[in-house]
C-alpha cells in the first residue's frame, strides 16, 4: 500500500487519498457564505483569472485515456491566467505510483529563483480516467484536472474550473508539450480544441521556456 507524504500534506494511503479527492474535484464554498460575498472576497484575484458567470463547463475529455502513457515530463507552453502559476519555465514531471496515483513534481522560475512543489493526481472515477483531480497542499481543496486531448508524445490540453454555487466560476487551461516548444500547427490544433469547447483562447499567455540566465537559487514548498 502506497503512503504519500507531501511537504505540507499529512501522510495518507493511496486509497484513502483517492477517496478523499473523489468528493472534492471542484471547490465548493461553505453554504453559509453567499455567492456575492465570495465574489467580493475574490475580486482582487479575478483580474488575474478567467472569470465567467454560471456553472463550470463540462467539456469532452480524451477517450481511452491511460496514465501510463501520460506520465513523464511536460513543458507548459501556453496557459490561461492563473495567480498560482506565475513566472517562466513551468515544467511538471509525472510519476505513476500505485492505485492509479500520480506523483507530480512541478517547478517554475519567478523572482530570480526556482520554485518547486509536489502533489498528487488521482482518478476519482475509474470509468472516466481522463478526469483527474489534483491536490498539492493539505489545506487547499483539490482541483479537477481534465485531460481534453493528448497524443502522449507531443502535446496535451488540460482544463480546470472552480465552481461557486453555480453562479460564477474561475477556469484554467494549459497547453503542454513534451519539449520546450510546439510547432505552430500543433499549437493551433490545441487552441482549436479549447475553442471547440467554448473555452476562451484570446487570453492565452505564452510561457517562456528559456531560463539559462536565471540564477540557480531554489525554494521548495
N, C-alpha and C. Protein backbone atom coordinates (compact mmCIF):
# COMPACT_ATOMS: atom_id res chain seq x y z
N UNK A 1 0.86 -1.20 0.00
CA UNK A 1 0.00 0.00 0.00
C UNK A 1 0.88 1.24 0.00
N UNK A 2 0.62 2.13 -0.91
CA UNK A 2 1.41 3.36 -1.03
C UNK A 2 0.99 4.37 0.01
N UNK A 3 1.95 4.96 0.71
CA UNK A 3 1.70 6.11 1.57
C UNK A 3 2.37 7.31 0.94
N UNK A 4 1.66 8.45 0.86
CA UNK A 4 2.23 9.65 0.26
C UNK A 4 2.32 10.73 1.31
N UNK A 5 3.47 11.37 1.42
CA UNK A 5 3.67 12.46 2.36
C UNK A 5 4.25 13.63 1.62
N UNK A 6 3.50 14.69 1.42
CA UNK A 6 3.99 15.91 0.79
C UNK A 6 4.55 16.83 1.84
N UNK A 7 5.22 17.91 1.39
CA UNK A 7 5.83 18.83 2.33
C UNK A 7 4.80 19.49 3.23
N UNK A 8 3.60 19.69 2.72
CA UNK A 8 2.56 20.28 3.55
C UNK A 8 1.32 19.39 3.58
N UNK A 9 1.53 18.10 3.39
CA UNK A 9 0.41 17.17 3.41
C UNK A 9 0.60 16.17 4.52
N UNK A 10 -0.49 15.68 5.08
CA UNK A 10 -0.42 14.58 6.01
C UNK A 10 -0.13 13.32 5.22
N UNK A 11 0.39 12.32 5.87
CA UNK A 11 0.67 11.05 5.22
C UNK A 11 -0.64 10.26 5.11
N UNK A 12 -0.99 9.85 3.93
CA UNK A 12 -2.21 9.08 3.73
C UNK A 12 -1.91 7.98 2.72
N UNK A 13 -2.71 6.93 2.76
CA UNK A 13 -2.55 5.86 1.79
C UNK A 13 -3.11 6.30 0.46
N UNK A 14 -2.69 5.63 -0.61
CA UNK A 14 -3.19 5.98 -1.92
C UNK A 14 -4.70 5.82 -2.02
N UNK A 15 -5.24 4.73 -1.42
CA UNK A 15 -6.69 4.51 -1.47
C UNK A 15 -7.43 5.58 -0.71
N UNK A 16 -6.89 5.96 0.48
CA UNK A 16 -7.56 6.99 1.29
C UNK A 16 -7.56 8.33 0.57
N UNK A 17 -6.42 8.66 -0.03
CA UNK A 17 -6.32 9.93 -0.75
C UNK A 17 -7.28 9.95 -1.93
N UNK A 18 -7.37 8.84 -2.63
CA UNK A 18 -8.27 8.77 -3.77
C UNK A 18 -9.72 8.96 -3.33
N UNK A 19 -10.08 8.36 -2.17
CA UNK A 19 -11.45 8.51 -1.67
C UNK A 19 -11.73 9.94 -1.29
N UNK A 20 -10.76 10.61 -0.65
CA UNK A 20 -10.97 12.00 -0.23
C UNK A 20 -11.17 12.92 -1.42
N UNK A 21 -10.37 12.71 -2.45
CA UNK A 21 -10.42 13.62 -3.58
C UNK A 21 -11.63 13.40 -4.46
N UNK A 22 -12.20 12.17 -4.42
CA UNK A 22 -13.33 11.89 -5.30
C UNK A 22 -14.52 12.77 -5.01
N UNK A 23 -14.63 13.25 -3.78
CA UNK A 23 -15.75 14.11 -3.42
C UNK A 23 -15.37 15.57 -3.39
N UNK A 24 -14.14 15.91 -3.86
CA UNK A 24 -13.68 17.28 -3.78
C UNK A 24 -13.06 17.74 -5.08
N UNK A 25 -13.59 17.25 -6.20
CA UNK A 25 -13.00 17.58 -7.50
C UNK A 25 -13.28 19.00 -7.94
N UNK A 26 -14.15 19.70 -7.26
CA UNK A 26 -14.39 21.12 -7.54
C UNK A 26 -14.57 21.84 -6.22
N UNK A 27 -14.17 23.11 -6.19
CA UNK A 27 -14.24 23.89 -4.96
C UNK A 27 -15.67 24.27 -4.67
N UNK A 28 -16.15 23.95 -3.46
CA UNK A 28 -17.50 24.30 -3.04
C UNK A 28 -17.41 25.09 -1.75
N UNK A 29 -17.68 26.39 -1.75
CA UNK A 29 -17.59 27.19 -0.55
C UNK A 29 -18.62 26.77 0.47
N UNK A 30 -18.42 27.10 1.77
CA UNK A 30 -19.37 26.77 2.82
C UNK A 30 -20.75 27.33 2.49
N UNK A 31 -21.83 26.57 2.79
CA UNK A 31 -23.18 27.02 2.44
C UNK A 31 -23.54 28.36 3.04
N UNK A 32 -22.99 28.67 4.22
CA UNK A 32 -23.37 29.90 4.89
C UNK A 32 -22.88 31.14 4.15
N UNK A 33 -21.94 30.99 3.27
CA UNK A 33 -21.39 32.13 2.54
C UNK A 33 -22.22 32.38 1.30
N UNK A 34 -22.63 33.58 1.10
CA UNK A 34 -23.41 33.92 -0.09
C UNK A 34 -22.49 34.05 -1.29
N UNK A 35 -23.06 33.87 -2.48
CA UNK A 35 -22.27 34.00 -3.70
C UNK A 35 -21.70 35.40 -3.82
N UNK A 36 -22.48 36.39 -3.42
CA UNK A 36 -21.99 37.77 -3.54
C UNK A 36 -20.81 38.03 -2.63
N UNK A 37 -20.82 37.44 -1.43
CA UNK A 37 -19.71 37.62 -0.51
C UNK A 37 -18.45 36.95 -1.05
N UNK A 38 -18.60 35.74 -1.57
CA UNK A 38 -17.45 35.04 -2.15
C UNK A 38 -16.87 35.84 -3.30
N UNK A 39 -17.75 36.37 -4.16
CA UNK A 39 -17.27 37.16 -5.29
C UNK A 39 -16.52 38.39 -4.80
N UNK A 40 -17.04 39.05 -3.76
CA UNK A 40 -16.37 40.23 -3.22
C UNK A 40 -14.99 39.88 -2.70
N UNK A 41 -14.88 38.75 -2.01
CA UNK A 41 -13.59 38.33 -1.47
C UNK A 41 -12.60 37.98 -2.58
N UNK A 42 -13.12 37.53 -3.70
CA UNK A 42 -12.25 37.09 -4.79
C UNK A 42 -11.90 38.20 -5.78
N UNK A 43 -12.50 39.36 -5.63
CA UNK A 43 -12.27 40.44 -6.59
C UNK A 43 -10.79 40.74 -6.84
N UNK A 44 -9.93 40.76 -5.79
CA UNK A 44 -8.52 41.04 -6.06
C UNK A 44 -7.86 40.01 -6.96
N UNK A 45 -8.43 38.78 -7.03
CA UNK A 45 -7.83 37.72 -7.83
C UNK A 45 -8.46 37.60 -9.21
N UNK A 46 -9.69 38.08 -9.35
CA UNK A 46 -10.42 37.86 -10.59
C UNK A 46 -9.69 38.43 -11.80
N UNK A 47 -9.03 39.57 -11.63
CA UNK A 47 -8.33 40.18 -12.75
C UNK A 47 -7.21 39.31 -13.27
N UNK A 48 -6.72 38.40 -12.42
CA UNK A 48 -5.63 37.51 -12.83
C UNK A 48 -6.15 36.13 -13.20
N UNK A 49 -7.45 35.98 -13.38
CA UNK A 49 -8.05 34.71 -13.72
C UNK A 49 -8.95 34.89 -14.94
N UNK A 50 -9.56 33.80 -15.37
CA UNK A 50 -10.58 33.84 -16.40
C UNK A 50 -11.92 33.58 -15.72
N UNK A 51 -12.70 34.64 -15.58
CA UNK A 51 -13.94 34.63 -14.82
C UNK A 51 -15.13 34.44 -15.75
N UNK A 52 -16.13 33.70 -15.28
CA UNK A 52 -17.35 33.54 -16.07
C UNK A 52 -18.56 33.35 -15.19
N UNK A 53 -19.71 33.76 -15.68
CA UNK A 53 -20.95 33.58 -14.95
C UNK A 53 -21.50 32.18 -15.21
N UNK A 54 -22.24 31.67 -14.23
CA UNK A 54 -22.85 30.36 -14.37
C UNK A 54 -21.92 29.25 -13.92
N UNK A 55 -22.36 28.01 -14.04
CA UNK A 55 -21.55 26.87 -13.60
C UNK A 55 -20.40 26.60 -14.54
N UNK A 56 -19.51 25.72 -14.11
CA UNK A 56 -18.38 25.32 -14.95
C UNK A 56 -18.88 24.55 -16.18
N UNK A 57 -18.10 24.63 -17.23
CA UNK A 57 -18.37 23.85 -18.43
C UNK A 57 -18.07 22.37 -18.16
N UNK A 58 -18.60 21.52 -18.99
CA UNK A 58 -18.29 20.09 -18.91
C UNK A 58 -17.78 19.62 -20.28
N UNK A 59 -16.56 19.99 -20.63
CA UNK A 59 -16.03 19.66 -21.95
C UNK A 59 -15.77 18.16 -22.12
N UNK A 60 -15.72 17.74 -23.35
CA UNK A 60 -15.36 16.36 -23.67
C UNK A 60 -13.90 16.13 -23.31
N UNK A 61 -13.59 14.93 -22.85
CA UNK A 61 -12.22 14.61 -22.46
C UNK A 61 -11.65 13.54 -23.39
N UNK A 62 -10.36 13.29 -23.22
CA UNK A 62 -9.66 12.32 -24.06
C UNK A 62 -10.26 10.92 -23.90
N UNK A 63 -10.59 10.31 -25.02
CA UNK A 63 -11.12 8.95 -25.00
C UNK A 63 -9.99 7.95 -24.78
N UNK A 64 -10.30 6.86 -24.10
CA UNK A 64 -9.34 5.77 -23.87
C UNK A 64 -8.04 6.27 -23.24
N UNK A 65 -8.17 7.19 -22.30
CA UNK A 65 -7.00 7.79 -21.66
C UNK A 65 -6.27 6.78 -20.78
N UNK A 66 -4.93 6.81 -20.83
CA UNK A 66 -4.13 5.94 -19.98
C UNK A 66 -3.05 6.75 -19.26
N UNK A 67 -2.99 6.59 -17.94
CA UNK A 67 -1.99 7.30 -17.15
C UNK A 67 -0.58 6.86 -17.48
N UNK A 68 -0.42 5.58 -17.82
CA UNK A 68 0.92 5.08 -18.12
C UNK A 68 1.56 5.86 -19.26
N UNK A 69 0.81 6.13 -20.30
CA UNK A 69 1.35 6.88 -21.43
C UNK A 69 1.47 8.37 -21.14
N UNK A 70 0.61 8.86 -20.24
CA UNK A 70 0.59 10.29 -19.93
C UNK A 70 1.72 10.69 -18.98
N UNK A 71 2.22 9.75 -18.20
CA UNK A 71 3.29 10.04 -17.24
C UNK A 71 4.55 10.52 -17.97
N UNK A 72 5.43 11.17 -17.20
CA UNK A 72 6.67 11.68 -17.77
C UNK A 72 6.77 13.19 -17.64
N UNK A 73 7.64 13.79 -18.41
CA UNK A 73 7.90 15.23 -18.32
C UNK A 73 7.05 16.01 -19.31
N UNK A 74 6.54 17.16 -18.84
CA UNK A 74 5.75 18.07 -19.67
C UNK A 74 6.21 19.50 -19.45
N UNK A 75 6.30 20.26 -20.54
CA UNK A 75 6.61 21.70 -20.50
C UNK A 75 5.32 22.47 -20.77
N UNK A 76 5.06 23.49 -19.97
CA UNK A 76 3.89 24.33 -20.20
C UNK A 76 4.23 25.41 -21.22
N UNK A 77 3.50 25.44 -22.33
CA UNK A 77 3.82 26.40 -23.40
C UNK A 77 2.80 27.53 -23.50
N UNK A 78 1.54 27.27 -23.12
CA UNK A 78 0.52 28.32 -23.08
C UNK A 78 -0.44 28.03 -21.94
N UNK A 79 -1.01 29.12 -21.36
CA UNK A 79 -1.94 28.94 -20.26
C UNK A 79 -2.90 30.13 -20.18
N UNK A 80 -4.07 29.90 -19.64
CA UNK A 80 -4.93 30.99 -19.24
C UNK A 80 -4.37 31.59 -17.96
N UNK A 81 -4.61 32.87 -17.68
CA UNK A 81 -4.05 33.50 -16.48
C UNK A 81 -4.39 32.72 -15.22
N UNK A 82 -3.39 32.57 -14.35
CA UNK A 82 -3.58 31.88 -13.08
C UNK A 82 -2.60 32.46 -12.08
N UNK A 83 -3.11 32.97 -10.97
CA UNK A 83 -2.24 33.61 -9.98
C UNK A 83 -1.27 32.62 -9.36
N UNK A 84 -1.61 31.31 -9.36
CA UNK A 84 -0.76 30.32 -8.73
C UNK A 84 0.29 29.75 -9.69
N UNK A 85 0.34 30.23 -10.91
CA UNK A 85 1.33 29.73 -11.87
C UNK A 85 2.02 30.90 -12.56
N UNK A 86 2.76 31.72 -11.79
CA UNK A 86 3.47 32.84 -12.40
C UNK A 86 4.82 32.40 -12.94
N UNK A 87 5.53 33.33 -13.54
CA UNK A 87 6.91 33.07 -13.93
C UNK A 87 7.04 32.37 -15.27
N UNK A 88 8.20 31.76 -15.46
CA UNK A 88 8.51 31.10 -16.72
C UNK A 88 9.14 29.75 -16.45
N UNK A 89 9.39 29.02 -17.53
CA UNK A 89 9.97 27.68 -17.44
C UNK A 89 9.18 26.79 -16.49
N UNK A 90 7.87 26.78 -16.69
CA UNK A 90 6.99 25.95 -15.87
C UNK A 90 7.01 24.53 -16.43
N UNK A 91 7.40 23.61 -15.58
CA UNK A 91 7.55 22.22 -16.02
C UNK A 91 6.98 21.28 -14.96
N UNK A 92 6.52 20.13 -15.40
CA UNK A 92 5.98 19.13 -14.48
C UNK A 92 6.51 17.76 -14.86
N UNK A 93 6.79 16.97 -13.83
CA UNK A 93 7.18 15.58 -14.06
C UNK A 93 6.19 14.69 -13.33
N UNK A 94 5.58 13.78 -14.06
CA UNK A 94 4.55 12.90 -13.53
C UNK A 94 5.09 11.48 -13.41
N UNK A 95 5.01 10.93 -12.20
CA UNK A 95 5.49 9.57 -11.95
C UNK A 95 4.32 8.71 -11.50
N UNK A 96 4.04 7.66 -12.23
CA UNK A 96 2.92 6.78 -11.90
C UNK A 96 3.27 5.92 -10.69
N UNK A 97 2.38 5.96 -9.68
CA UNK A 97 2.56 5.18 -8.47
C UNK A 97 1.49 4.08 -8.43
N UNK A 98 1.20 3.58 -7.23
CA UNK A 98 0.20 2.53 -7.10
C UNK A 98 -1.21 3.09 -7.16
N UNK A 99 -2.17 2.21 -7.42
CA UNK A 99 -3.59 2.56 -7.36
C UNK A 99 -3.95 3.74 -8.26
N UNK A 100 -3.31 3.83 -9.42
CA UNK A 100 -3.58 4.93 -10.36
C UNK A 100 -3.36 6.29 -9.73
N UNK A 101 -2.39 6.39 -8.84
CA UNK A 101 -1.99 7.66 -8.24
C UNK A 101 -0.73 8.15 -8.94
N UNK A 102 -0.68 9.45 -9.23
CA UNK A 102 0.47 10.03 -9.93
C UNK A 102 1.13 11.05 -9.02
N UNK A 103 2.41 10.88 -8.78
CA UNK A 103 3.19 11.86 -8.02
C UNK A 103 3.66 12.94 -8.99
N UNK A 104 3.41 14.20 -8.63
CA UNK A 104 3.74 15.33 -9.51
C UNK A 104 4.80 16.20 -8.86
N UNK A 105 5.85 16.48 -9.59
CA UNK A 105 6.86 17.45 -9.18
C UNK A 105 6.86 18.56 -10.22
N UNK A 106 6.52 19.78 -9.79
CA UNK A 106 6.45 20.92 -10.70
C UNK A 106 7.45 21.99 -10.30
N UNK A 107 7.88 22.77 -11.25
CA UNK A 107 8.82 23.85 -10.96
C UNK A 107 8.56 25.02 -11.90
N UNK A 108 8.92 26.22 -11.43
CA UNK A 108 8.87 27.41 -12.27
C UNK A 108 9.86 28.43 -11.75
N UNK A 109 10.29 29.33 -12.63
CA UNK A 109 11.22 30.39 -12.25
C UNK A 109 10.44 31.69 -12.06
N UNK A 110 10.66 32.31 -10.90
CA UNK A 110 9.94 33.53 -10.56
C UNK A 110 10.77 34.31 -9.54
N UNK A 111 10.90 35.63 -9.75
CA UNK A 111 11.70 36.47 -8.85
C UNK A 111 13.12 35.92 -8.68
N UNK A 112 13.74 35.56 -9.80
CA UNK A 112 15.14 35.15 -9.82
C UNK A 112 15.44 33.91 -8.99
N UNK A 113 14.48 33.06 -8.83
CA UNK A 113 14.78 31.79 -8.20
C UNK A 113 13.82 30.71 -8.71
N UNK A 114 14.23 29.47 -8.52
CA UNK A 114 13.40 28.35 -8.95
C UNK A 114 12.53 27.90 -7.78
N UNK A 115 11.25 27.78 -8.06
CA UNK A 115 10.29 27.32 -7.06
C UNK A 115 9.83 25.92 -7.44
N UNK A 116 9.80 25.03 -6.45
CA UNK A 116 9.38 23.65 -6.70
C UNK A 116 8.29 23.25 -5.72
N UNK A 117 7.36 22.47 -6.20
CA UNK A 117 6.34 21.95 -5.30
C UNK A 117 5.91 20.56 -5.77
N UNK A 118 5.34 19.81 -4.84
CA UNK A 118 4.95 18.44 -5.11
C UNK A 118 3.48 18.22 -4.79
N UNK A 119 2.88 17.27 -5.45
CA UNK A 119 1.49 16.95 -5.20
C UNK A 119 1.14 15.61 -5.82
N UNK A 120 -0.15 15.36 -5.92
CA UNK A 120 -0.60 14.09 -6.49
C UNK A 120 -1.78 14.33 -7.43
N UNK A 121 -1.91 13.45 -8.40
CA UNK A 121 -3.08 13.36 -9.26
C UNK A 121 -3.72 12.00 -9.03
N UNK A 122 -5.03 11.97 -8.95
CA UNK A 122 -5.75 10.70 -8.83
C UNK A 122 -6.89 10.68 -9.84
N UNK A 123 -7.44 9.50 -10.05
CA UNK A 123 -8.61 9.33 -10.91
C UNK A 123 -9.80 8.99 -10.02
N UNK A 124 -10.61 9.98 -9.63
CA UNK A 124 -11.74 9.72 -8.74
C UNK A 124 -12.73 8.71 -9.31
N UNK A 125 -12.89 8.69 -10.63
CA UNK A 125 -13.84 7.79 -11.27
C UNK A 125 -13.10 6.95 -12.30
N UNK A 126 -12.97 5.66 -12.01
CA UNK A 126 -12.24 4.79 -12.91
C UNK A 126 -12.86 4.67 -14.29
N UNK A 127 -14.15 5.00 -14.40
CA UNK A 127 -14.82 4.95 -15.70
C UNK A 127 -14.48 6.15 -16.57
N UNK A 128 -13.93 7.21 -15.94
CA UNK A 128 -13.54 8.41 -16.69
C UNK A 128 -12.12 8.79 -16.28
N UNK A 129 -11.13 8.01 -16.71
CA UNK A 129 -9.75 8.20 -16.26
C UNK A 129 -9.12 9.52 -16.66
N UNK A 130 -9.66 10.19 -17.69
CA UNK A 130 -9.09 11.47 -18.11
C UNK A 130 -9.52 12.62 -17.21
N UNK A 131 -10.49 12.37 -16.33
CA UNK A 131 -10.95 13.40 -15.39
C UNK A 131 -10.19 13.24 -14.08
N UNK A 132 -9.00 13.82 -14.05
CA UNK A 132 -8.12 13.71 -12.89
C UNK A 132 -8.48 14.76 -11.85
N UNK A 133 -8.01 14.53 -10.62
CA UNK A 133 -8.13 15.52 -9.55
C UNK A 133 -6.73 15.76 -8.99
N UNK A 134 -6.38 17.03 -8.80
CA UNK A 134 -5.04 17.40 -8.33
C UNK A 134 -5.10 17.93 -6.91
N UNK A 135 -4.13 17.52 -6.11
CA UNK A 135 -4.05 18.00 -4.73
C UNK A 135 -2.58 18.27 -4.41
N UNK A 136 -2.30 19.50 -3.94
CA UNK A 136 -0.92 19.89 -3.67
C UNK A 136 -0.66 20.29 -2.23
N UNK A 137 -1.64 20.86 -1.55
CA UNK A 137 -1.42 21.32 -0.19
C UNK A 137 -2.54 20.82 0.72
N UNK A 138 -2.19 20.55 1.96
CA UNK A 138 -3.12 19.93 2.90
C UNK A 138 -4.40 20.73 3.08
N UNK A 139 -4.30 22.04 3.18
CA UNK A 139 -5.46 22.86 3.50
C UNK A 139 -6.07 23.55 2.27
N UNK A 140 -5.67 23.11 1.08
CA UNK A 140 -6.22 23.66 -0.15
C UNK A 140 -7.06 22.58 -0.83
N UNK A 141 -8.31 22.87 -1.17
CA UNK A 141 -9.16 21.85 -1.81
C UNK A 141 -8.54 21.36 -3.11
N UNK A 142 -8.85 20.13 -3.45
CA UNK A 142 -8.38 19.58 -4.72
C UNK A 142 -9.05 20.30 -5.88
N UNK A 143 -8.43 20.23 -7.02
CA UNK A 143 -8.97 20.85 -8.24
C UNK A 143 -9.07 19.81 -9.34
N UNK A 144 -10.10 19.90 -10.17
CA UNK A 144 -10.18 18.99 -11.31
C UNK A 144 -9.10 19.32 -12.33
N UNK A 145 -8.48 18.32 -12.87
CA UNK A 145 -7.53 18.46 -13.98
C UNK A 145 -7.99 17.50 -15.08
N UNK A 146 -8.76 18.01 -16.00
CA UNK A 146 -9.31 17.17 -17.06
C UNK A 146 -8.43 17.23 -18.30
N UNK A 147 -8.03 16.07 -18.77
CA UNK A 147 -7.23 16.00 -20.00
C UNK A 147 -8.19 15.97 -21.18
N UNK A 148 -8.28 17.10 -21.88
CA UNK A 148 -9.21 17.19 -23.01
C UNK A 148 -8.68 16.46 -24.24
N UNK A 149 -7.36 16.51 -24.42
CA UNK A 149 -6.77 15.86 -25.59
C UNK A 149 -5.28 15.68 -25.37
N UNK A 150 -4.74 14.60 -25.87
CA UNK A 150 -3.30 14.36 -25.85
C UNK A 150 -2.96 13.28 -26.87
N UNK A 151 -1.76 13.39 -27.44
CA UNK A 151 -1.25 12.31 -28.26
C UNK A 151 -0.13 11.58 -27.53
N UNK A 152 0.10 11.97 -26.26
CA UNK A 152 1.06 11.37 -25.34
C UNK A 152 2.52 11.65 -25.70
N UNK A 153 2.84 11.84 -26.96
CA UNK A 153 4.23 12.01 -27.37
C UNK A 153 4.60 13.45 -27.70
N UNK A 154 3.60 14.31 -27.89
CA UNK A 154 3.90 15.68 -28.33
C UNK A 154 3.16 16.73 -27.52
N UNK A 155 1.86 16.62 -27.36
CA UNK A 155 1.08 17.69 -26.73
C UNK A 155 0.02 17.12 -25.78
N UNK A 156 -0.47 17.98 -24.90
CA UNK A 156 -1.65 17.68 -24.09
C UNK A 156 -2.37 18.98 -23.78
N UNK A 157 -3.69 18.91 -23.71
CA UNK A 157 -4.54 20.06 -23.39
C UNK A 157 -5.31 19.72 -22.12
N UNK A 158 -5.14 20.54 -21.08
CA UNK A 158 -5.72 20.25 -19.77
C UNK A 158 -6.61 21.41 -19.34
N UNK A 159 -7.73 21.08 -18.72
CA UNK A 159 -8.72 22.10 -18.32
C UNK A 159 -9.08 21.91 -16.85
N UNK A 160 -9.30 23.04 -16.17
CA UNK A 160 -9.75 23.00 -14.78
C UNK A 160 -10.72 24.15 -14.54
N UNK A 161 -11.58 23.98 -13.53
CA UNK A 161 -12.57 25.02 -13.24
C UNK A 161 -12.98 24.94 -11.78
N UNK A 162 -13.14 26.10 -11.16
CA UNK A 162 -13.61 26.21 -9.79
C UNK A 162 -15.01 26.81 -9.81
N UNK A 163 -15.98 26.06 -9.33
CA UNK A 163 -17.39 26.44 -9.40
C UNK A 163 -17.85 27.01 -8.06
N UNK A 164 -18.50 28.17 -8.09
CA UNK A 164 -19.00 28.81 -6.88
C UNK A 164 -20.53 28.91 -6.95
N UNK A 165 -21.19 27.95 -6.30
CA UNK A 165 -22.66 27.95 -6.20
C UNK A 165 -23.37 27.85 -7.55
N UNK A 166 -22.67 27.50 -8.61
CA UNK A 166 -23.23 27.52 -9.97
C UNK A 166 -23.63 28.93 -10.39
N UNK A 167 -23.13 29.93 -9.67
CA UNK A 167 -23.41 31.33 -10.01
C UNK A 167 -22.29 31.90 -10.86
N UNK A 168 -21.05 31.61 -10.50
CA UNK A 168 -19.91 32.04 -11.29
C UNK A 168 -18.79 31.03 -11.14
N UNK A 169 -17.78 31.14 -11.97
CA UNK A 169 -16.68 30.19 -11.94
C UNK A 169 -15.39 30.85 -12.38
N UNK A 170 -14.29 30.23 -12.02
CA UNK A 170 -12.96 30.60 -12.50
C UNK A 170 -12.42 29.40 -13.25
N UNK A 171 -11.97 29.61 -14.48
CA UNK A 171 -11.49 28.48 -15.25
C UNK A 171 -10.04 28.66 -15.69
N UNK A 172 -9.40 27.54 -15.90
CA UNK A 172 -7.99 27.50 -16.24
C UNK A 172 -7.79 26.51 -17.39
N UNK A 173 -6.82 26.77 -18.22
CA UNK A 173 -6.49 25.86 -19.30
C UNK A 173 -4.99 25.91 -19.54
N UNK A 174 -4.43 24.76 -19.85
CA UNK A 174 -3.00 24.66 -20.07
C UNK A 174 -2.73 23.84 -21.33
N UNK A 175 -1.76 24.28 -22.10
CA UNK A 175 -1.28 23.51 -23.25
C UNK A 175 0.15 23.09 -22.94
N UNK A 176 0.36 21.79 -22.88
CA UNK A 176 1.68 21.24 -22.53
C UNK A 176 2.34 20.61 -23.75
N UNK A 177 3.66 20.50 -23.66
CA UNK A 177 4.45 19.87 -24.71
C UNK A 177 5.50 18.96 -24.08
N UNK A 178 5.88 17.93 -24.80
CA UNK A 178 6.96 17.06 -24.33
C UNK A 178 8.32 17.73 -24.49
N UNK A 179 8.38 18.79 -25.28
CA UNK A 179 9.61 19.55 -25.49
C UNK A 179 9.34 21.01 -25.14
N UNK A 180 10.36 21.86 -25.08
CA UNK A 180 10.14 23.25 -24.68
C UNK A 180 9.24 24.06 -25.60
N UNK A 181 8.92 23.55 -26.78
CA UNK A 181 8.05 24.31 -27.69
C UNK A 181 7.24 23.34 -28.54
N UNK A 182 6.17 23.88 -29.13
CA UNK A 182 5.35 23.13 -30.07
C UNK A 182 5.42 23.79 -31.44
N UNK A 183 5.23 23.02 -32.47
CA UNK A 183 5.16 23.61 -33.81
C UNK A 183 3.92 24.50 -33.89
N UNK A 184 3.95 25.53 -34.73
CA UNK A 184 2.77 26.40 -34.87
C UNK A 184 1.50 25.63 -35.22
N UNK A 185 1.63 24.60 -36.03
CA UNK A 185 0.47 23.81 -36.44
C UNK A 185 -0.12 23.05 -35.25
N UNK A 186 0.75 22.45 -34.45
CA UNK A 186 0.27 21.70 -33.29
C UNK A 186 -0.33 22.63 -32.24
N UNK A 187 0.30 23.77 -32.04
CA UNK A 187 -0.22 24.74 -31.08
C UNK A 187 -1.61 25.22 -31.50
N UNK A 188 -1.78 25.49 -32.77
CA UNK A 188 -3.08 25.92 -33.26
C UNK A 188 -4.12 24.82 -33.07
N UNK A 189 -3.71 23.58 -33.30
CA UNK A 189 -4.62 22.44 -33.10
C UNK A 189 -5.09 22.40 -31.65
N UNK A 190 -4.19 22.62 -30.71
CA UNK A 190 -4.54 22.62 -29.29
C UNK A 190 -5.51 23.76 -28.96
N UNK A 191 -5.24 24.92 -29.53
CA UNK A 191 -6.12 26.07 -29.30
C UNK A 191 -7.52 25.82 -29.87
N UNK A 192 -7.57 25.14 -31.00
CA UNK A 192 -8.87 24.83 -31.61
C UNK A 192 -9.67 23.87 -30.74
N UNK A 193 -8.99 22.99 -30.02
CA UNK A 193 -9.68 22.09 -29.10
C UNK A 193 -10.37 22.89 -28.00
N UNK A 194 -9.67 23.89 -27.47
CA UNK A 194 -10.27 24.75 -26.45
C UNK A 194 -11.41 25.58 -27.04
N UNK A 195 -11.20 26.13 -28.23
CA UNK A 195 -12.25 26.91 -28.90
C UNK A 195 -13.52 26.08 -29.07
N UNK A 196 -13.34 24.86 -29.48
CA UNK A 196 -14.49 23.99 -29.75
C UNK A 196 -15.33 23.75 -28.49
N UNK A 197 -14.67 23.78 -27.34
CA UNK A 197 -15.37 23.56 -26.07
C UNK A 197 -15.85 24.86 -25.44
N UNK A 198 -15.73 25.96 -26.17
CA UNK A 198 -16.20 27.24 -25.66
C UNK A 198 -15.30 27.86 -24.61
N UNK A 199 -14.05 27.43 -24.57
CA UNK A 199 -13.09 27.95 -23.60
C UNK A 199 -12.32 29.09 -24.26
N UNK A 200 -12.30 30.22 -23.61
CA UNK A 200 -11.71 31.43 -24.19
C UNK A 200 -10.22 31.25 -24.46
N UNK A 201 -9.80 31.52 -25.68
CA UNK A 201 -8.39 31.39 -26.03
C UNK A 201 -7.71 32.73 -26.26
N UNK A 202 -8.49 33.81 -26.32
CA UNK A 202 -7.90 35.13 -26.58
C UNK A 202 -6.99 35.57 -25.43
N UNK A 203 -7.18 34.99 -24.24
CA UNK A 203 -6.37 35.36 -23.09
C UNK A 203 -5.22 34.39 -22.83
N UNK A 204 -5.02 33.45 -23.71
CA UNK A 204 -3.91 32.51 -23.52
C UNK A 204 -2.59 33.26 -23.51
N UNK A 205 -1.73 32.89 -22.57
CA UNK A 205 -0.43 33.52 -22.42
C UNK A 205 0.68 32.53 -22.77
N UNK A 206 1.64 32.99 -23.54
CA UNK A 206 2.80 32.15 -23.84
C UNK A 206 3.69 32.04 -22.61
N UNK A 207 4.21 30.86 -22.37
CA UNK A 207 5.11 30.62 -21.24
C UNK A 207 6.53 30.45 -21.77
N UNK A 208 7.40 31.35 -21.39
CA UNK A 208 8.79 31.28 -21.83
C UNK A 208 9.46 30.05 -21.23
N UNK A 209 10.28 29.36 -22.03
CA UNK A 209 10.95 28.16 -21.55
C UNK A 209 12.47 28.27 -21.59
N UNK A 210 12.99 29.46 -21.79
CA UNK A 210 14.44 29.68 -21.79
C UNK A 210 14.84 30.30 -20.46
N UNK A 211 15.47 29.51 -19.61
CA UNK A 211 15.86 30.01 -18.28
C UNK A 211 17.35 29.86 -18.03
N UNK A 212 18.14 29.90 -19.08
CA UNK A 212 19.58 29.72 -18.92
C UNK A 212 20.22 30.88 -18.16
N UNK A 213 19.55 32.06 -18.15
CA UNK A 213 20.13 33.23 -17.50
C UNK A 213 19.63 33.43 -16.07
N UNK A 214 18.81 32.52 -15.57
CA UNK A 214 18.23 32.67 -14.24
C UNK A 214 19.17 32.10 -13.19
N UNK A 215 19.46 32.85 -12.11
CA UNK A 215 20.32 32.32 -11.04
C UNK A 215 19.77 31.01 -10.49
N UNK A 216 20.65 30.10 -10.15
CA UNK A 216 20.22 28.78 -9.70
C UNK A 216 19.95 28.75 -8.20
N UNK A 217 19.03 29.59 -7.77
CA UNK A 217 18.53 29.52 -6.40
C UNK A 217 17.23 28.72 -6.45
N UNK A 218 16.96 27.98 -5.40
CA UNK A 218 15.73 27.19 -5.41
C UNK A 218 15.02 27.29 -4.08
N UNK A 219 13.71 27.10 -4.13
CA UNK A 219 12.88 27.13 -2.93
C UNK A 219 11.77 26.12 -3.11
N UNK A 220 11.62 25.23 -2.16
CA UNK A 220 10.60 24.18 -2.26
C UNK A 220 9.46 24.47 -1.30
N UNK A 221 8.25 24.16 -1.75
CA UNK A 221 7.08 24.35 -0.89
C UNK A 221 6.00 23.35 -1.24
